[in-house]
N, C-alpha and C. Protein backbone atom coordinates (compact mmCIF):
# COMPACT_ATOMS: atom_id res chain seq x y z
N UNK A 1 -51.07 99.99 34.80
CA UNK A 1 -52.05 98.87 34.70
C UNK A 1 -52.22 98.45 35.93
N UNK A 2 -53.57 98.06 36.23
CA UNK A 2 -53.69 97.72 37.88
C UNK A 2 -53.47 96.39 37.72
N UNK A 3 -53.29 95.60 38.86
CA UNK A 3 -53.06 94.08 39.00
C UNK A 3 -54.46 93.79 39.49
N UNK A 4 -54.79 92.63 38.89
CA UNK A 4 -56.21 92.11 39.07
C UNK A 4 -55.89 90.40 39.12
N UNK A 5 -56.19 89.93 40.30
CA UNK A 5 -56.34 88.78 40.69
C UNK A 5 -57.65 87.95 40.69
N UNK A 6 -58.58 88.93 39.95
CA UNK A 6 -60.20 88.42 40.20
C UNK A 6 -60.67 88.05 38.94
N UNK A 7 -60.60 86.84 38.56
CA UNK A 7 -61.08 86.68 37.11
C UNK A 7 -62.59 86.99 36.98
N UNK A 8 -63.52 86.97 38.07
CA UNK A 8 -64.85 87.31 37.99
C UNK A 8 -64.78 88.93 37.50
N UNK A 9 -63.88 89.74 38.16
CA UNK A 9 -64.06 91.15 37.77
C UNK A 9 -63.87 91.27 36.25
N UNK A 10 -62.79 90.52 35.58
CA UNK A 10 -62.63 90.78 34.21
C UNK A 10 -63.75 90.11 33.58
N UNK A 11 -64.53 89.15 34.11
CA UNK A 11 -65.78 88.72 33.32
C UNK A 11 -66.79 89.80 33.36
N UNK A 12 -67.01 90.53 34.55
CA UNK A 12 -67.98 91.62 34.78
C UNK A 12 -67.59 92.76 33.69
N UNK A 13 -66.41 93.14 33.83
CA UNK A 13 -66.08 94.23 32.63
C UNK A 13 -66.30 93.78 31.21
N UNK A 14 -66.04 92.73 30.91
CA UNK A 14 -66.02 92.23 29.49
C UNK A 14 -67.86 92.27 29.29
N UNK A 15 -68.53 91.75 30.29
CA UNK A 15 -69.82 91.70 30.01
C UNK A 15 -70.54 93.31 30.03
N UNK A 16 -69.93 94.00 30.81
CA UNK A 16 -70.31 95.49 30.58
C UNK A 16 -69.98 96.21 29.51
N UNK A 17 -68.57 96.05 29.03
CA UNK A 17 -68.49 96.59 27.82
C UNK A 17 -69.02 96.22 26.44
N UNK A 18 -69.22 94.87 26.35
CA UNK A 18 -69.79 94.22 25.44
C UNK A 18 -69.15 94.48 24.02
N UNK A 19 -69.62 94.10 23.06
CA UNK A 19 -69.15 94.20 21.80
C UNK A 19 -69.52 95.53 20.89
N UNK A 20 -70.54 96.21 21.44
CA UNK A 20 -70.79 97.35 20.47
C UNK A 20 -70.15 98.47 20.55
N UNK A 21 -69.18 98.38 21.83
CA UNK A 21 -68.45 99.62 21.82
C UNK A 21 -67.17 99.78 21.05
N UNK A 22 -66.89 98.73 20.44
CA UNK A 22 -65.68 98.67 19.84
C UNK A 22 -65.82 98.20 18.32
N UNK A 23 -64.99 99.39 17.37
CA UNK A 23 -65.15 98.83 15.92
C UNK A 23 -64.35 97.59 15.76
N UNK A 24 -64.93 96.71 14.95
CA UNK A 24 -64.66 95.72 14.55
C UNK A 24 -63.41 95.91 13.35
N UNK A 25 -62.27 95.40 13.39
CA UNK A 25 -61.08 95.32 12.58
C UNK A 25 -61.11 93.93 11.65
N UNK A 26 -61.07 94.05 10.50
CA UNK A 26 -60.90 92.67 9.68
C UNK A 26 -59.26 92.35 9.73
N UNK A 27 -59.00 91.31 10.46
CA UNK A 27 -57.63 90.79 10.44
C UNK A 27 -57.55 89.64 9.88
N UNK A 28 -56.72 89.13 9.09
CA UNK A 28 -56.67 87.79 8.64
C UNK A 28 -56.06 86.88 9.83
N UNK A 29 -56.42 85.90 10.01
CA UNK A 29 -56.00 84.93 11.29
C UNK A 29 -54.56 84.76 11.21
N UNK A 30 -54.14 84.56 9.83
CA UNK A 30 -52.66 84.44 9.92
C UNK A 30 -51.94 85.46 10.54
N UNK A 31 -52.12 86.68 10.23
CA UNK A 31 -51.58 88.03 10.42
C UNK A 31 -51.98 88.25 12.05
N UNK A 32 -53.05 87.79 12.63
CA UNK A 32 -53.34 88.09 13.94
C UNK A 32 -52.58 87.37 15.09
N UNK A 33 -51.97 86.11 14.85
CA UNK A 33 -51.33 85.20 15.43
C UNK A 33 -49.88 85.77 15.53
N UNK A 34 -49.36 86.01 16.90
CA UNK A 34 -47.99 86.29 17.06
C UNK A 34 -47.23 84.98 17.58
N UNK A 35 -46.13 84.72 17.00
CA UNK A 35 -45.52 83.41 17.14
C UNK A 35 -44.04 83.96 17.81
N UNK A 36 -43.64 83.61 18.75
CA UNK A 36 -42.22 83.91 19.35
C UNK A 36 -42.47 85.29 20.42
N UNK A 37 -41.45 85.14 21.21
CA UNK A 37 -41.62 86.09 22.32
C UNK A 37 -41.05 87.40 21.69
N UNK A 38 -39.87 87.19 20.66
CA UNK A 38 -39.64 88.59 19.85
C UNK A 38 -40.60 89.31 19.21
N UNK A 39 -41.59 88.57 18.55
CA UNK A 39 -42.82 89.15 18.02
C UNK A 39 -43.69 89.92 18.93
N UNK A 40 -43.88 89.20 19.89
CA UNK A 40 -44.94 89.71 20.84
C UNK A 40 -44.36 91.05 21.50
N UNK A 41 -43.12 90.90 21.81
CA UNK A 41 -42.28 92.09 22.28
C UNK A 41 -42.30 93.25 21.74
N UNK A 42 -42.39 92.93 20.45
CA UNK A 42 -42.25 93.87 19.44
C UNK A 42 -43.68 94.79 19.24
N UNK A 43 -44.68 93.88 19.30
CA UNK A 43 -45.95 94.49 19.38
C UNK A 43 -46.29 95.21 20.41
N UNK A 44 -45.70 94.86 21.44
CA UNK A 44 -46.04 95.50 22.77
C UNK A 44 -45.08 96.81 23.02
N UNK A 45 -43.94 96.83 22.45
CA UNK A 45 -43.05 97.88 22.49
C UNK A 45 -42.06 97.52 23.69
N UNK A 46 -41.84 96.42 23.97
CA UNK A 46 -40.85 96.16 25.14
C UNK A 46 -39.85 95.47 24.29
N UNK A 47 -38.87 95.34 25.16
CA UNK A 47 -37.31 95.09 24.72
C UNK A 47 -36.70 93.59 24.90
N UNK A 48 -37.56 93.17 26.28
CA UNK A 48 -36.90 91.63 26.44
C UNK A 48 -37.75 90.89 26.79
N UNK A 49 -37.55 89.86 26.81
CA UNK A 49 -38.41 88.48 27.25
C UNK A 49 -38.79 88.54 28.95
N UNK A 50 -37.81 89.02 29.69
CA UNK A 50 -38.28 89.05 31.01
C UNK A 50 -39.20 89.95 31.46
N UNK A 51 -39.56 91.22 30.54
CA UNK A 51 -40.50 92.09 30.72
C UNK A 51 -41.95 91.32 30.35
N UNK A 52 -41.65 90.26 29.16
CA UNK A 52 -42.94 89.87 28.82
C UNK A 52 -43.28 88.85 29.84
N UNK A 53 -42.46 88.09 30.70
CA UNK A 53 -42.87 87.08 31.16
C UNK A 53 -43.38 87.68 32.62
N UNK A 54 -42.99 88.77 33.00
CA UNK A 54 -43.37 89.69 34.26
C UNK A 54 -44.77 90.08 33.68
N UNK A 55 -45.19 90.34 32.81
CA UNK A 55 -46.24 90.74 32.46
C UNK A 55 -47.33 89.61 32.43
N UNK A 56 -46.81 88.45 31.96
CA UNK A 56 -47.65 87.26 31.76
C UNK A 56 -48.07 86.99 33.41
N UNK A 57 -47.23 86.78 34.18
CA UNK A 57 -47.01 86.19 35.47
C UNK A 57 -48.08 87.47 36.56
N UNK A 58 -47.50 88.53 36.43
CA UNK A 58 -48.07 89.79 37.26
C UNK A 58 -49.55 90.25 36.91
N UNK A 59 -49.75 90.47 35.53
CA UNK A 59 -50.67 91.41 34.87
C UNK A 59 -51.38 90.66 34.19
N UNK A 60 -51.35 89.26 34.03
CA UNK A 60 -52.30 88.33 33.22
C UNK A 60 -52.35 88.55 31.84
N UNK A 61 -51.00 88.99 31.18
CA UNK A 61 -51.17 89.21 29.82
C UNK A 61 -51.34 87.84 29.25
N UNK A 62 -52.24 87.95 28.16
CA UNK A 62 -52.82 86.79 27.52
C UNK A 62 -51.96 86.43 26.51
N UNK A 63 -50.76 85.66 27.05
CA UNK A 63 -49.64 85.12 26.16
C UNK A 63 -49.43 83.47 26.68
N UNK A 64 -49.04 82.64 25.99
CA UNK A 64 -49.11 81.23 26.51
C UNK A 64 -47.44 80.74 25.70
N UNK A 65 -46.99 79.80 26.77
CA UNK A 65 -45.78 79.13 26.43
C UNK A 65 -46.20 77.97 26.09
N UNK A 66 -46.18 77.63 24.57
CA UNK A 66 -46.44 76.56 24.08
C UNK A 66 -45.79 75.17 24.70
N UNK A 67 -45.93 73.83 24.47
CA UNK A 67 -45.14 72.93 24.72
C UNK A 67 -43.99 72.81 23.95
N UNK A 68 -43.76 73.25 23.14
CA UNK A 68 -42.57 73.23 22.12
C UNK A 68 -41.65 74.49 22.61
N UNK A 69 -42.24 75.31 23.48
CA UNK A 69 -41.12 76.40 24.10
C UNK A 69 -41.42 77.72 23.37
N UNK A 70 -42.33 77.86 22.45
CA UNK A 70 -42.59 79.04 21.65
C UNK A 70 -43.54 79.66 22.13
N UNK A 71 -43.54 80.97 22.42
CA UNK A 71 -44.52 81.91 22.98
C UNK A 71 -45.50 82.32 22.02
N UNK A 72 -46.61 82.31 22.20
CA UNK A 72 -47.88 82.67 21.51
C UNK A 72 -49.13 83.41 21.95
N UNK A 73 -49.38 84.27 21.06
CA UNK A 73 -50.87 85.10 21.69
C UNK A 73 -51.20 85.66 20.38
N UNK A 74 -52.45 86.53 20.30
CA UNK A 74 -52.96 87.12 19.14
C UNK A 74 -53.00 88.55 19.46
N UNK A 75 -53.10 89.27 18.46
CA UNK A 75 -53.14 90.86 18.56
C UNK A 75 -54.34 91.19 19.31
N UNK A 76 -55.33 90.76 18.67
CA UNK A 76 -56.79 90.91 19.29
C UNK A 76 -56.87 90.59 20.91
N UNK A 77 -56.36 89.86 21.36
CA UNK A 77 -56.25 89.36 22.57
C UNK A 77 -55.56 90.41 23.44
N UNK A 78 -54.40 90.84 22.99
CA UNK A 78 -53.43 91.78 23.71
C UNK A 78 -54.41 93.08 23.69
N UNK A 79 -54.87 93.57 22.38
CA UNK A 79 -55.81 94.55 22.65
C UNK A 79 -56.82 94.90 23.32
N UNK A 80 -57.48 93.64 23.39
CA UNK A 80 -58.55 93.64 24.64
C UNK A 80 -58.18 93.60 26.11
N UNK A 81 -56.89 92.91 26.17
CA UNK A 81 -56.16 93.12 27.58
C UNK A 81 -55.77 94.56 28.08
N UNK A 82 -55.45 95.24 27.21
CA UNK A 82 -55.16 96.71 27.45
C UNK A 82 -56.29 97.46 27.53
N UNK A 83 -57.53 97.40 26.63
CA UNK A 83 -58.70 98.13 26.99
C UNK A 83 -59.31 97.87 28.20
N UNK A 84 -59.35 96.40 28.59
CA UNK A 84 -59.90 95.90 30.04
C UNK A 84 -59.05 96.67 30.99
N UNK A 85 -57.98 96.54 30.82
CA UNK A 85 -56.98 97.21 32.16
C UNK A 85 -57.25 99.00 32.26
N UNK A 86 -57.25 99.54 31.11
CA UNK A 86 -57.58 100.95 30.87
C UNK A 86 -58.84 101.06 31.74
N UNK A 87 -59.90 100.41 31.26
CA UNK A 87 -61.25 100.56 32.07
C UNK A 87 -61.30 100.44 33.36
N UNK A 88 -60.49 99.10 33.91
CA UNK A 88 -60.32 98.87 35.33
C UNK A 88 -59.56 100.19 36.02
N UNK A 89 -58.69 100.51 35.21
CA UNK A 89 -57.94 101.61 35.99
C UNK A 89 -58.74 102.85 36.15
N UNK A 90 -59.38 103.26 34.92
CA UNK A 90 -60.25 104.49 35.25
C UNK A 90 -61.31 104.21 36.10
N UNK A 91 -61.98 103.14 36.28
CA UNK A 91 -62.98 102.80 37.48
C UNK A 91 -62.57 102.78 38.88
N UNK A 92 -61.29 102.41 38.90
CA UNK A 92 -60.71 102.46 40.36
C UNK A 92 -60.20 103.73 40.79
N UNK A 93 -59.91 104.89 39.61
CA UNK A 93 -59.32 105.95 39.96
C UNK A 93 -60.75 106.98 40.18
N UNK A 94 -61.79 106.67 39.68
CA UNK A 94 -62.91 107.32 39.75
C UNK A 94 -63.63 106.78 41.15
N UNK A 95 -63.40 105.46 41.39
CA UNK A 95 -64.27 105.32 42.67
C UNK A 95 -63.17 105.85 43.90
N UNK A 96 -61.79 105.96 43.64
CA UNK A 96 -61.20 106.40 44.52
C UNK A 96 -61.03 107.89 45.00
N UNK A 97 -61.70 108.75 44.02
CA UNK A 97 -61.55 110.25 43.95
C UNK A 97 -60.05 110.55 43.55
N UNK A 98 -59.64 110.01 42.51
CA UNK A 98 -58.30 110.23 41.93
C UNK A 98 -58.33 110.89 40.71
N UNK A 99 -59.48 111.47 39.80
CA UNK A 99 -59.52 111.98 38.63
C UNK A 99 -59.38 113.27 38.97
N UNK A 100 -58.89 114.27 37.71
CA UNK A 100 -58.43 115.68 37.93
C UNK A 100 -59.80 116.45 38.36
N UNK A 101 -60.63 116.03 37.65
CA UNK A 101 -61.88 116.93 38.30
C UNK A 101 -62.22 116.85 39.84
N UNK A 102 -62.22 115.56 40.25
CA UNK A 102 -62.51 115.31 41.53
C UNK A 102 -61.58 115.98 42.76
N UNK A 103 -60.15 115.74 42.15
CA UNK A 103 -59.19 116.73 42.80
C UNK A 103 -59.59 118.19 43.11
N UNK A 104 -59.88 118.62 41.88
CA UNK A 104 -60.06 120.22 41.73
C UNK A 104 -61.42 120.60 42.50
N UNK A 105 -62.41 119.65 42.68
CA UNK A 105 -63.63 119.95 43.35
C UNK A 105 -63.13 119.92 44.83
N UNK A 106 -62.32 118.79 45.23
CA UNK A 106 -61.97 118.80 46.51
C UNK A 106 -61.17 119.80 47.15
N UNK A 107 -60.43 120.46 46.09
CA UNK A 107 -59.53 121.52 46.73
C UNK A 107 -60.39 122.78 46.72
N UNK A 108 -61.41 122.96 45.87
CA UNK A 108 -62.13 124.17 45.96
C UNK A 108 -63.17 124.15 47.38
N UNK A 109 -63.38 122.60 47.69
CA UNK A 109 -64.18 122.79 48.86
C UNK A 109 -63.32 123.06 50.03
N UNK A 110 -62.35 122.72 50.11
CA UNK A 110 -61.39 122.91 51.11
C UNK A 110 -61.04 124.41 51.36
N UNK A 111 -60.77 124.89 50.32
CA UNK A 111 -60.66 126.37 50.09
C UNK A 111 -62.00 127.14 50.55
N UNK A 112 -63.18 126.66 50.19
CA UNK A 112 -64.15 127.53 50.83
C UNK A 112 -64.40 127.35 52.24
N UNK A 113 -63.99 126.04 52.75
CA UNK A 113 -64.28 125.51 54.13
C UNK A 113 -63.48 126.55 54.92
N UNK A 114 -62.26 126.64 54.38
CA UNK A 114 -60.91 127.52 55.22
C UNK A 114 -61.42 128.93 55.39
N UNK A 115 -62.11 129.40 54.23
CA UNK A 115 -62.39 130.65 54.25
C UNK A 115 -63.57 131.04 55.17
N UNK A 116 -64.60 130.06 55.33
CA UNK A 116 -65.61 130.23 56.16
C UNK A 116 -65.14 130.15 57.56
N UNK A 117 -64.13 129.24 57.78
CA UNK A 117 -63.37 129.13 59.31
C UNK A 117 -62.87 130.38 59.79
N UNK A 118 -62.28 130.96 58.72
CA UNK A 118 -61.75 132.59 59.32
C UNK A 118 -62.58 133.47 59.51
N UNK A 119 -63.96 133.31 58.97
CA UNK A 119 -65.00 134.47 59.25
C UNK A 119 -64.79 135.45 58.25
N UNK A 120 -65.79 136.64 58.33
CA UNK A 120 -65.81 137.45 57.04
C UNK A 120 -64.53 138.36 57.20
N UNK A 121 -63.94 138.70 56.23
CA UNK A 121 -62.69 139.70 56.10
C UNK A 121 -63.16 141.25 56.42
N UNK A 122 -62.09 141.71 56.87
CA UNK A 122 -62.43 143.01 57.08
C UNK A 122 -61.57 144.11 56.40
N UNK A 123 -62.07 145.14 55.97
CA UNK A 123 -61.37 145.93 55.28
C UNK A 123 -60.14 146.95 55.86
N UNK A 124 -59.57 147.51 55.34
CA UNK A 124 -58.48 148.53 56.15
C UNK A 124 -59.23 149.37 57.30
N UNK A 125 -58.71 149.34 58.47
CA UNK A 125 -59.47 150.39 59.35
C UNK A 125 -58.99 151.80 59.31
N UNK A 126 -59.93 152.57 59.18
CA UNK A 126 -59.83 153.91 59.05
C UNK A 126 -59.48 154.61 60.27
N UNK A 127 -58.50 155.40 60.22
CA UNK A 127 -58.34 156.22 61.61
C UNK A 127 -59.27 157.33 62.16
N UNK A 128 -59.85 157.37 63.12
CA UNK A 128 -60.69 158.35 63.74
C UNK A 128 -60.23 159.76 64.06
């Protein structure tokens, strides 16, 4: 997941994606809320609270620590965070030329260029 410190970029991606592209899931509000770091970690598939804190600090995971010390977030906000991060990562890879198709095209271009630099190939020389 890419690091993003630019909230305007996240807003731009949200605006670009819109709500049309995602199927709506009906989740009861009481089932959507994750209270406690252990439930959040379980939902994300991580094992310790330190990982959760790192993701909140460095990767802007949408989770907060309430005044009473309990971690809180929702499943939908985590899912949106993952979708936005994957979209940003894809855009970054596309812009930097790091997708598989772009690498293959570059490799073919370099191969053709090398072939042209060598000149025409000659067949075996026949003795006179």
